[in-house]
Amino acid sequence: PLTATALPAADPRHAGIASGVNNAVARTGQLLAVALIPILAGFHPGESVSPGPLLDGFHRVAIWAAAACIVAGSLSWTFIRADVFEGTVAP
C-alpha cells in the first residue's frame, strides 16, 4: 500500500527518489517495530521470560498492534486521495 501510494503520487522524473524514500521509510518502520516489541511487552534486556509473562506480553503487543492498525487505517482513509489511483493527479 505504501509503494502503491507513494510512487504514483510522485512526478515521473522523481520516480527514483520516491522509490528510495519509500524504501527507507519502510525499512525504518520495520526496524522501529522490532525494537519496540520487547519494550511494549514489558521485557527487560538480559532477563529470561517465563511462559506466563511471555503470554501477557504477547497480548499487550497484539493490542498495541491493533491500535496502530486502526490509527494507520484512519490516517489513510483521511489523507490518501482517490485520484492518485485513477491516474488523474495534476502536476
PDB file of N, CA and C in Angstrom:
ATOM      1  N   PRO A   1       0.808  -1.220   0.000  1.00  0.00           N
ATOM      2  CA  PRO A   1       0.000   0.000   0.000  1.00  0.00           C
ATOM      3  C   PRO A   1       0.843   1.273   0.000  1.00  0.00           C
ATOM      4  N   LEU A   2       1.955   1.259   0.730  1.00  0.00           N
ATOM      5  CA  LEU A   2       2.799   2.451   0.769  1.00  0.00           C
ATOM      6  C   LEU A   2       3.412   2.706  -0.600  1.00  0.00           C
ATOM      7  N   THR A   3       3.907   1.675  -1.233  1.00  0.00           N
ATOM      8  CA  THR A   3       4.514   1.820  -2.556  1.00  0.00           C
ATOM      9  C   THR A   3       3.471   2.237  -3.582  1.00  0.00           C
ATOM     10  N   ALA A   4       2.297   1.625  -3.523  1.00  0.00           N
ATOM     11  CA  ALA A   4       1.236   1.947  -4.478  1.00  0.00           C
ATOM     12  C   ALA A   4       0.747   3.378  -4.317  1.00  0.00           C
ATOM     13  N   THR A   5       0.940   3.968  -3.158  1.00  0.00           N
ATOM     14  CA  THR A   5       0.539   5.350  -2.927  1.00  0.00           C
ATOM     15  C   THR A   5       1.668   6.314  -3.249  1.00  0.00           C
ATOM     16  N   ALA A   6       2.868   6.000  -2.817  1.00  0.00           N
ATOM     17  CA  ALA A   6       3.982   6.937  -2.949  1.00  0.00           C
ATOM     18  C   ALA A   6       4.446   7.105  -4.391  1.00  0.00           C
ATOM     19  N   LEU A   7       4.590   6.031  -5.113  1.00  0.00           N
ATOM     20  CA  LEU A   7       5.168   6.137  -6.454  1.00  0.00           C
ATOM     21  C   LEU A   7       4.247   6.803  -7.471  1.00  0.00           C
ATOM     22  N   PRO A   8       2.954   6.473  -7.533  1.00  0.00           N
ATOM     23  CA  PRO A   8       2.104   7.193  -8.494  1.00  0.00           C
ATOM     24  C   PRO A   8       1.926   8.674  -8.153  1.00  0.00           C
ATOM     25  N   ALA A   9       2.076   9.030  -6.882  1.00  0.00           N
ATOM     26  CA  ALA A   9       1.902  10.427  -6.485  1.00  0.00           C
ATOM     27  C   ALA A   9       3.101  11.281  -6.875  1.00  0.00           C
ATOM     28  N   ALA A  10       4.232  10.658  -7.146  1.00  0.00           N
ATOM     29  CA  ALA A  10       5.449  11.403  -7.497  1.00  0.00           C
ATOM     30  C   ALA A  10       5.485  11.687  -8.995  1.00  0.00           C
ATOM     31  N   ASP A  11       6.092  12.796  -9.351  1.00  0.00           N
ATOM     32  CA  ASP A  11       6.307  13.131 -10.748  1.00  0.00           C
ATOM     33  C   ASP A  11       7.224  12.060 -11.352  1.00  0.00           C
ATOM     34  N   PRO A  12       6.991  11.649 -12.598  1.00  0.00           N
ATOM     35  CA  PRO A  12       7.827  10.593 -13.191  1.00  0.00           C
ATOM     36  C   PRO A  12       9.326  10.881 -13.153  1.00  0.00           C
ATOM     37  N   ARG A  13       9.713  12.138 -13.232  1.00  0.00           N
ATOM     38  CA  ARG A  13      11.144  12.448 -13.197  1.00  0.00           C
ATOM     39  C   ARG A  13      11.733  12.268 -11.802  1.00  0.00           C
ATOM     40  N   HIS A  14      10.895  12.147 -10.784  1.00  0.00           N
ATOM     41  CA  HIS A  14      11.354  11.919  -9.416  1.00  0.00           C
ATOM     42  C   HIS A  14      11.074  10.482  -8.946  1.00  0.00           C
ATOM     43  N   ALA A  15      10.845   9.584  -9.881  1.00  0.00           N
ATOM     44  CA  ALA A  15      10.495   8.207  -9.519  1.00  0.00           C
ATOM     45  C   ALA A  15      11.602   7.518  -8.725  1.00  0.00           C
ATOM     46  N   GLY A  16      12.846   7.759  -9.075  1.00  0.00           N
ATOM     47  CA  GLY A  16      13.958   7.140  -8.366  1.00  0.00           C
ATOM     48  C   GLY A  16      14.056   7.617  -6.925  1.00  0.00           C
ATOM     49  N   ILE A  17      13.913   8.912  -6.729  1.00  0.00           N
ATOM     50  CA  ILE A  17      13.963   9.462  -5.375  1.00  0.00           C
ATOM     51  C   ILE A  17      12.771   8.976  -4.565  1.00  0.00           C
ATOM     52  N   ALA A  18      11.588   8.967  -5.180  1.00  0.00           N
ATOM     53  CA  ALA A  18      10.389   8.498  -4.477  1.00  0.00           C
ATOM     54  C   ALA A  18      10.541   7.039  -4.065  1.00  0.00           C
ATOM     55  N   SER A  19      11.117   6.222  -4.932  1.00  0.00           N
ATOM     56  CA  SER A  19      11.341   4.821  -4.602  1.00  0.00           C
ATOM     57  C   SER A  19      12.333   4.678  -3.459  1.00  0.00           C
ATOM     58  N   GLY A  20      13.401   5.469  -3.482  1.00  0.00           N
ATOM     59  CA  GLY A  20      14.401   5.418  -2.415  1.00  0.00           C
ATOM     60  C   GLY A  20      13.839   5.850  -1.072  1.00  0.00           C
ATOM     61  N   VAL A  21      13.058   6.932  -1.074  1.00  0.00           N
ATOM     62  CA  VAL A  21      12.438   7.402   0.174  1.00  0.00           C
ATOM     63  C   VAL A  21      11.438   6.365   0.675  1.00  0.00           C
ATOM     64  N   ASN A  22      10.649   5.808  -0.228  1.00  0.00           N
ATOM     65  CA  ASN A  22       9.689   4.768   0.146  1.00  0.00           C
ATOM     66  C   ASN A  22      10.401   3.587   0.798  1.00  0.00           C
ATOM     67  N   ASN A  23      11.497   3.151   0.212  1.00  0.00           N
ATOM     68  CA  ASN A  23      12.256   2.028   0.751  1.00  0.00           C
ATOM     69  C   ASN A  23      12.834   2.366   2.127  1.00  0.00           C
ATOM     70  N   ALA A  24      13.401   3.565   2.266  1.00  0.00           N
ATOM     71  CA  ALA A  24      13.997   3.968   3.544  1.00  0.00           C
ATOM     72  C   ALA A  24      12.943   4.060   4.648  1.00  0.00           C
ATOM     73  N   VAL A  25      11.792   4.618   4.337  1.00  0.00           N
ATOM     74  CA  VAL A  25      10.727   4.737   5.330  1.00  0.00           C
ATOM     75  C   VAL A  25      10.216   3.354   5.742  1.00  0.00           C
ATOM     76  N   ALA A  26      10.045   2.473   4.770  1.00  0.00           N
ATOM     77  CA  ALA A  26       9.559   1.124   5.082  1.00  0.00           C
ATOM     78  C   ALA A  26      10.552   0.373   5.975  1.00  0.00           C
ATOM     79  N   ARG A  27      11.836   0.440   5.652  1.00  0.00           N
ATOM     80  CA  ARG A  27      12.844  -0.264   6.453  1.00  0.00           C
ATOM     81  C   ARG A  27      12.976   0.339   7.848  1.00  0.00           C
ATOM     82  N   THR A  28      12.897   1.652   7.949  1.00  0.00           N
ATOM     83  CA  THR A  28      12.976   2.302   9.251  1.00  0.00           C
ATOM     84  C   THR A  28      11.791   1.904  10.116  1.00  0.00           C
ATOM     85  N   GLY A  29      10.618   1.851   9.531  1.00  0.00           N
ATOM     86  CA  GLY A  29       9.431   1.414  10.271  1.00  0.00           C
ATOM     87  C   GLY A  29       9.570  -0.008  10.774  1.00  0.00           C
ATOM     88  N   GLN A  30      10.115  -0.891   9.951  1.00  0.00           N
ATOM     89  CA  GLN A  30      10.316  -2.275  10.374  1.00  0.00           C
ATOM     90  C   GLN A  30      11.308  -2.362  11.527  1.00  0.00           C
ATOM     91  N   LEU A  31      12.409  -1.611  11.431  1.00  0.00           N
ATOM     92  CA  LEU A  31      13.410  -1.641  12.498  1.00  0.00           C
ATOM     93  C   LEU A  31      12.838  -1.100  13.806  1.00  0.00           C
ATOM     94  N   LEU A  32      12.071  -0.025  13.725  1.00  0.00           N
ATOM     95  CA  LEU A  32      11.459   0.528  14.933  1.00  0.00           C
ATOM     96  C   LEU A  32      10.466  -0.452  15.556  1.00  0.00           C
ATOM     97  N   ALA A  33       9.704  -1.126  14.710  1.00  0.00           N
ATOM     98  CA  ALA A  33       8.738  -2.099  15.226  1.00  0.00           C
ATOM     99  C   ALA A  33       9.445  -3.235  15.965  1.00  0.00           C
ATOM    100  N   VAL A  34      10.515  -3.752  15.374  1.00  0.00           N
ATOM    101  CA  VAL A  34      11.251  -4.840  16.024  1.00  0.00           C
ATOM    102  C   VAL A  34      11.874  -4.364  17.336  1.00  0.00           C
ATOM    103  N   ALA A  35      12.334  -3.118  17.373  1.00  0.00           N
ATOM    104  CA  ALA A  35      12.936  -2.588  18.595  1.00  0.00           C
ATOM    105  C   ALA A  35      11.891  -2.309  19.672  1.00  0.00           C
ATOM    106  N   LEU A  36      10.677  -1.936  19.255  1.00  0.00           N
ATOM    107  CA  LEU A  36       9.638  -1.585  20.227  1.00  0.00           C
ATOM    108  C   LEU A  36       8.903  -2.784  20.812  1.00  0.00           C
ATOM    109  N   ILE A  37       8.887  -3.897  20.125  1.00  0.00           N
ATOM    110  CA  ILE A  37       8.110  -5.046  20.600  1.00  0.00           C
ATOM    111  C   ILE A  37       8.506  -5.473  22.017  1.00  0.00           C
ATOM    112  N   PRO A  38       9.781  -5.665  22.327  1.00  0.00           N
ATOM    113  CA  PRO A  38      10.118  -6.044  23.708  1.00  0.00           C
ATOM    114  C   PRO A  38       9.761  -4.961  24.730  1.00  0.00           C
ATOM    115  N   ILE A  39       9.901  -3.699  24.344  1.00  0.00           N
ATOM    116  CA  ILE A  39       9.563  -2.610  25.262  1.00  0.00           C
ATOM    117  C   ILE A  39       8.068  -2.613  25.544  1.00  0.00           C
ATOM    118  N   LEU A  40       7.258  -2.732  24.490  1.00  0.00           N
ATOM    119  CA  LEU A  40       5.808  -2.748  24.672  1.00  0.00           C
ATOM    120  C   LEU A  40       5.343  -3.976  25.446  1.00  0.00           C
ATOM    121  N   ALA A  41       6.063  -5.076  25.292  1.00  0.00           N
ATOM    122  CA  ALA A  41       5.707  -6.302  26.006  1.00  0.00           C
ATOM    123  C   ALA A  41       6.109  -6.238  27.473  1.00  0.00           C
ATOM    124  N   GLY A  42       6.962  -5.279  27.828  1.00  0.00           N
ATOM    125  CA  GLY A  42       7.388  -5.128  29.218  1.00  0.00           C
ATOM    126  C   GLY A  42       8.572  -5.997  29.599  1.00  0.00           C
ATOM    127  N   PHE A  43       9.341  -6.433  28.614  1.00  0.00           N
ATOM    128  CA  PHE A  43      10.512  -7.261  28.894  1.00  0.00           C
ATOM    129  C   PHE A  43      11.729  -6.385  29.139  1.00  0.00           C
ATOM    130  N   HIS A  44      12.650  -6.878  29.935  1.00  0.00           N
ATOM    131  CA  HIS A  44      13.882  -6.157  30.237  1.00  0.00           C
ATOM    132  C   HIS A  44      15.057  -6.905  29.626  1.00  0.00           C
ATOM    133  N   PRO A  45      16.032  -6.181  29.091  1.00  0.00           N
ATOM    134  CA  PRO A  45      17.185  -6.826  28.453  1.00  0.00           C
ATOM    135  C   PRO A  45      17.938  -7.734  29.428  1.00  0.00           C
ATOM    136  N   GLY A  46      18.321  -8.884  28.944  1.00  0.00           N
ATOM    137  CA  GLY A  46      19.137  -9.797  29.729  1.00  0.00           C
ATOM    138  C   GLY A  46      18.372 -10.669  30.701  1.00  0.00           C
ATOM    139  N   GLU A  47      17.088 -10.468  30.841  1.00  0.00           N
ATOM    140  CA  GLU A  47      16.293 -11.293  31.757  1.00  0.00           C
ATOM    141  C   GLU A  47      15.546 -12.361  30.973  1.00  0.00           C
ATOM    142  N   SER A  48      15.499 -13.558  31.518  1.00  0.00           N
ATOM    143  CA  SER A  48      14.721 -14.608  30.871  1.00  0.00           C
ATOM    144  C   SER A  48      13.236 -14.368  31.160  1.00  0.00           C
ATOM    145  N   VAL A  49      12.405 -14.866  30.274  1.00  0.00           N
ATOM    146  CA  VAL A  49      10.968 -14.644  30.391  1.00  0.00           C
ATOM    147  C   VAL A  49      10.282 -15.999  30.508  1.00  0.00           C
ATOM    148  N   SER A  50       9.501 -16.171  31.550  1.00  0.00           N
ATOM    149  CA  SER A  50       8.769 -17.425  31.726  1.00  0.00           C
ATOM    150  C   SER A  50       7.496 -17.389  30.874  1.00  0.00           C
ATOM    151  N   PRO A  51       6.841 -18.538  30.687  1.00  0.00           N
ATOM    152  CA  PRO A  51       5.685 -18.601  29.787  1.00  0.00           C
ATOM    153  C   PRO A  51       4.531 -17.654  30.152  1.00  0.00           C
ATOM    154  N   GLY A  52       4.241 -17.471  31.426  1.00  0.00           N
ATOM    155  CA  GLY A  52       3.127 -16.600  31.809  1.00  0.00           C
ATOM    156  C   GLY A  52       3.331 -15.158  31.375  1.00  0.00           C
ATOM    157  N   PRO A  53       4.447 -14.538  31.780  1.00  0.00           N
ATOM    158  CA  PRO A  53       4.703 -13.168  31.328  1.00  0.00           C
ATOM    159  C   PRO A  53       4.888 -13.051  29.810  1.00  0.00           C
ATOM    160  N   LEU A  54       5.389 -14.117  29.181  1.00  0.00           N
ATOM    161  CA  LEU A  54       5.543 -14.098  27.731  1.00  0.00           C
ATOM    162  C   LEU A  54       4.176 -13.985  27.057  1.00  0.00           C
ATOM    163  N   LEU A  55       3.205 -14.750  27.551  1.00  0.00           N
ATOM    164  CA  LEU A  55       1.844 -14.700  27.009  1.00  0.00           C
ATOM    165  C   LEU A  55       1.208 -13.334  27.277  1.00  0.00           C
ATOM    166  N   ASP A  56       1.402 -12.813  28.476  1.00  0.00           N
ATOM    167  CA  ASP A  56       0.878 -11.485  28.801  1.00  0.00           C
ATOM    168  C   ASP A  56       1.494 -10.423  27.891  1.00  0.00           C
ATOM    169  N   GLY A  57       2.798 -10.518  27.655  1.00  0.00           N
ATOM    170  CA  GLY A  57       3.471  -9.578  26.773  1.00  0.00           C
ATOM    171  C   GLY A  57       2.965  -9.683  25.345  1.00  0.00           C
ATOM    172  N   PHE A  58       2.714 -10.912  24.894  1.00  0.00           N
ATOM    173  CA  PHE A  58       2.168 -11.118  23.552  1.00  0.00           C
ATOM    174  C   PHE A  58       0.818 -10.429  23.419  1.00  0.00           C
ATOM    175  N   HIS A  59      -0.038 -10.598  24.416  1.00  0.00           N
ATOM    176  CA  HIS A  59      -1.362  -9.966  24.375  1.00  0.00           C
ATOM    177  C   HIS A  59      -1.235  -8.434  24.371  1.00  0.00           C
ATOM    178  N   ARG A  60      -0.338  -7.923  25.174  1.00  0.00           N
ATOM    179  CA  ARG A  60      -0.129  -6.471  25.232  1.00  0.00           C
ATOM    180  C   ARG A  60       0.334  -5.939  23.870  1.00  0.00           C
ATOM    181  N   VAL A  61       1.276  -6.627  23.242  1.00  0.00           N
ATOM    182  CA  VAL A  61       1.780  -6.195  21.936  1.00  0.00           C
ATOM    183  C   VAL A  61       0.695  -6.325  20.872  1.00  0.00           C
ATOM    184  N   ALA A  62      -0.138  -7.364  20.960  1.00  0.00           N
ATOM    185  CA  ALA A  62      -1.228  -7.532  19.993  1.00  0.00           C
ATOM    186  C   ALA A  62      -2.219  -6.376  20.084  1.00  0.00           C
ATOM    187  N   ILE A  63      -2.491  -5.906  21.296  1.00  0.00           N
ATOM    188  CA  ILE A  63      -3.397  -4.762  21.463  1.00  0.00           C
ATOM    189  C   ILE A  63      -2.768  -3.497  20.880  1.00  0.00           C
ATOM    190  N   TRP A  64      -1.477  -3.283  21.128  1.00  0.00           N
ATOM    191  CA  TRP A  64      -0.767  -2.132  20.552  1.00  0.00           C
ATOM    192  C   TRP A  64      -0.784  -2.207  19.026  1.00  0.00           C
ATOM    193  N   ALA A  65      -0.582  -3.397  18.484  1.00  0.00           N
ATOM    194  CA  ALA A  65      -0.573  -3.565  17.028  1.00  0.00           C
ATOM    195  C   ALA A  65      -1.956  -3.278  16.440  1.00  0.00           C
ATOM    196  N   ALA A  66      -3.004  -3.730  17.105  1.00  0.00           N
ATOM    197  CA  ALA A  66      -4.358  -3.456  16.635  1.00  0.00           C
ATOM    198  C   ALA A  66      -4.640  -1.958  16.666  1.00  0.00           C
ATOM    199  N   ALA A  67      -4.209  -1.293  17.725  1.00  0.00           N
ATOM    200  CA  ALA A  67      -4.399   0.158  17.818  1.00  0.00           C
ATOM    201  C   ALA A  67      -3.629   0.875  16.711  1.00  0.00           C
ATOM    202  N   ALA A  68      -2.417   0.417  16.419  1.00  0.00           N
ATOM    203  CA  ALA A  68      -1.627   1.031  15.350  1.00  0.00           C
ATOM    204  C   ALA A  68      -2.301   0.834  13.995  1.00  0.00           C
ATOM    205  N   CYS A  69      -2.893  -0.325  13.776  1.00  0.00           N
ATOM    206  CA  CYS A  69      -3.611  -0.575  12.515  1.00  0.00           C
ATOM    207  C   CYS A  69      -4.830   0.340  12.387  1.00  0.00           C
ATOM    208  N   ILE A  70      -5.526   0.558  13.481  1.00  0.00           N
ATOM    209  CA  ILE A  70      -6.692   1.455  13.456  1.00  0.00           C
ATOM    210  C   ILE A  70      -6.253   2.882  13.145  1.00  0.00           C
ATOM    211  N   VAL A  71      -5.188   3.329  13.785  1.00  0.00           N
ATOM    212  CA  VAL A  71      -4.680   4.682  13.526  1.00  0.00           C
ATOM    213  C   VAL A  71      -4.218   4.804  12.075  1.00  0.00           C
ATOM    214  N   ALA A  72      -3.459   3.825  11.591  1.00  0.00           N
ATOM    215  CA  ALA A  72      -2.958   3.874  10.211  1.00  0.00           C
ATOM    216  C   ALA A  72      -4.111   3.848   9.211  1.00  0.00           C
ATOM    217  N   GLY A  73      -5.105   3.020   9.463  1.00  0.00           N
ATOM    218  CA  GLY A  73      -6.268   2.973   8.580  1.00  0.00           C
ATOM    219  C   GLY A  73      -7.030   4.287   8.575  1.00  0.00           C
ATOM    220  N   SER A  74      -7.176   4.896   9.733  1.00  0.00           N
ATOM    221  CA  SER A  74      -7.868   6.183   9.823  1.00  0.00           C
ATOM    222  C   SER A  74      -7.107   7.277   9.077  1.00  0.00           C
ATOM    223  N   LEU A  75      -5.796   7.303   9.246  1.00  0.00           N
ATOM    224  CA  LEU A  75      -4.985   8.289   8.529  1.00  0.00           C
ATOM    225  C   LEU A  75      -5.046   8.068   7.017  1.00  0.00           C
ATOM    226  N   SER A  76      -5.003   6.820   6.597  1.00  0.00           N
ATOM    227  CA  SER A  76      -5.085   6.513   5.171  1.00  0.00           C
ATOM    228  C   SER A  76      -6.441   6.937   4.609  1.00  0.00           C
ATOM    229  N   TRP A  77      -7.497   6.618   5.325  1.00  0.00           N
ATOM    230  CA  TRP A  77      -8.847   6.974   4.891  1.00  0.00           C
ATOM    231  C   TRP A  77      -8.976   8.493   4.756  1.00  0.00           C
ATOM    232  N   THR A  78      -8.345   9.219   5.654  1.00  0.00           N
ATOM    233  CA  THR A  78      -8.464  10.676   5.679  1.00  0.00           C
ATOM    234  C   THR A  78      -7.599  11.359   4.630  1.00  0.00           C
ATOM    235  N   PHE A  79      -6.363  10.894   4.433  1.00  0.00           N
ATOM    236  CA  PHE A  79      -5.411  11.662   3.648  1.00  0.00           C
ATOM    237  C   PHE A  79      -5.059  11.118   2.270  1.00  0.00           C
ATOM    238  N   ILE A  80      -5.346   9.873   1.958  1.00  0.00           N
ATOM    239  CA  ILE A  80      -4.985   9.342   0.638  1.00  0.00           C
ATOM    240  C   ILE A  80      -6.089   9.678  -0.351  1.00  0.00           C
ATOM    241  N   ARG A  81      -5.689  10.353  -1.419  1.00  0.00           N
ATOM    242  CA  ARG A  81      -6.648  10.801  -2.411  1.00  0.00           C
ATOM    243  C   ARG A  81      -6.939   9.691  -3.415  1.00  0.00           C
ATOM    244  N   ALA A  82      -8.178   9.590  -3.853  1.00  0.00           N
ATOM    245  CA  ALA A  82      -8.582   8.573  -4.825  1.00  0.00           C
ATOM    246  C   ALA A  82      -8.007   8.861  -6.204  1.00  0.00           C
ATOM    247  N   ASP A  83      -7.804  10.127  -6.564  1.00  0.00           N
ATOM    248  CA  ASP A  83      -7.321  10.455  -7.886  1.00  0.00           C
ATOM    249  C   ASP A  83      -5.903   9.953  -8.152  1.00  0.00           C
ATOM    250  N   VAL A  84      -5.135   9.643  -7.098  1.00  0.00           N
ATOM    251  CA  VAL A  84      -3.799   9.088  -7.264  1.00  0.00           C
ATOM    252  C   VAL A  84      -3.894   7.731  -7.947  1.00  0.00           C
ATOM    253  N   PHE A  85      -4.896   6.940  -7.593  1.00  0.00           N
ATOM    254  CA  PHE A  85      -5.024   5.593  -8.136  1.00  0.00           C
ATOM    255  C   PHE A  85      -5.699   5.594  -9.501  1.00  0.00           C
ATOM    256  N   GLU A  86      -6.365   6.665  -9.852  1.00  0.00           N
ATOM    257  CA  GLU A  86      -7.039   6.739 -11.138  1.00  0.00           C
ATOM    258  C   GLU A  86      -6.146   7.335 -12.215  1.00  0.00           C
ATOM    259  N   GLY A  87      -4.931   7.758 -11.827  1.00  0.00           N
ATOM    260  CA  GLY A  87      -4.012   8.311 -12.804  1.00  0.00           C
ATOM    261  C   GLY A  87      -4.340   9.733 -13.218  1.00  0.00           C
ATOM    262  N   THR A  88      -5.091  10.463 -12.392  1.00  0.00           N
ATOM    263  CA  THR A  88      -5.507  11.803 -12.778  1.00  0.00           C
ATOM    264  C   THR A  88      -4.867  12.884 -11.899  1.00  0.00           C
ATOM    265  N   VAL A  89      -3.733  12.587 -11.293  1.00  0.00           N
ATOM    266  CA  VAL A  89      -3.083  13.539 -10.428  1.00  0.00           C
ATOM    267  C   VAL A  89      -2.545  14.695 -11.265  1.00  0.00           C
ATOM    268  N   ALA A  90      -2.917  15.891 -10.882  1.00  0.00           N
ATOM    269  CA  ALA A  90      -2.426  17.074 -11.593  1.00  0.00           C
ATOM    270  C   ALA A  90      -1.019  17.394 -11.121  1.00  0.00           C
ATOM    271  N   PRO A  91      -0.126  17.825 -12.008  1.00  0.00           N
ATOM    272  CA  PRO A  91       1.244  18.153 -11.593  1.00  0.00           C
ATOM    273  C   PRO A  91       1.297  19.368 -10.693  1.00  0.00           C
TER     274      PRO A  91
END
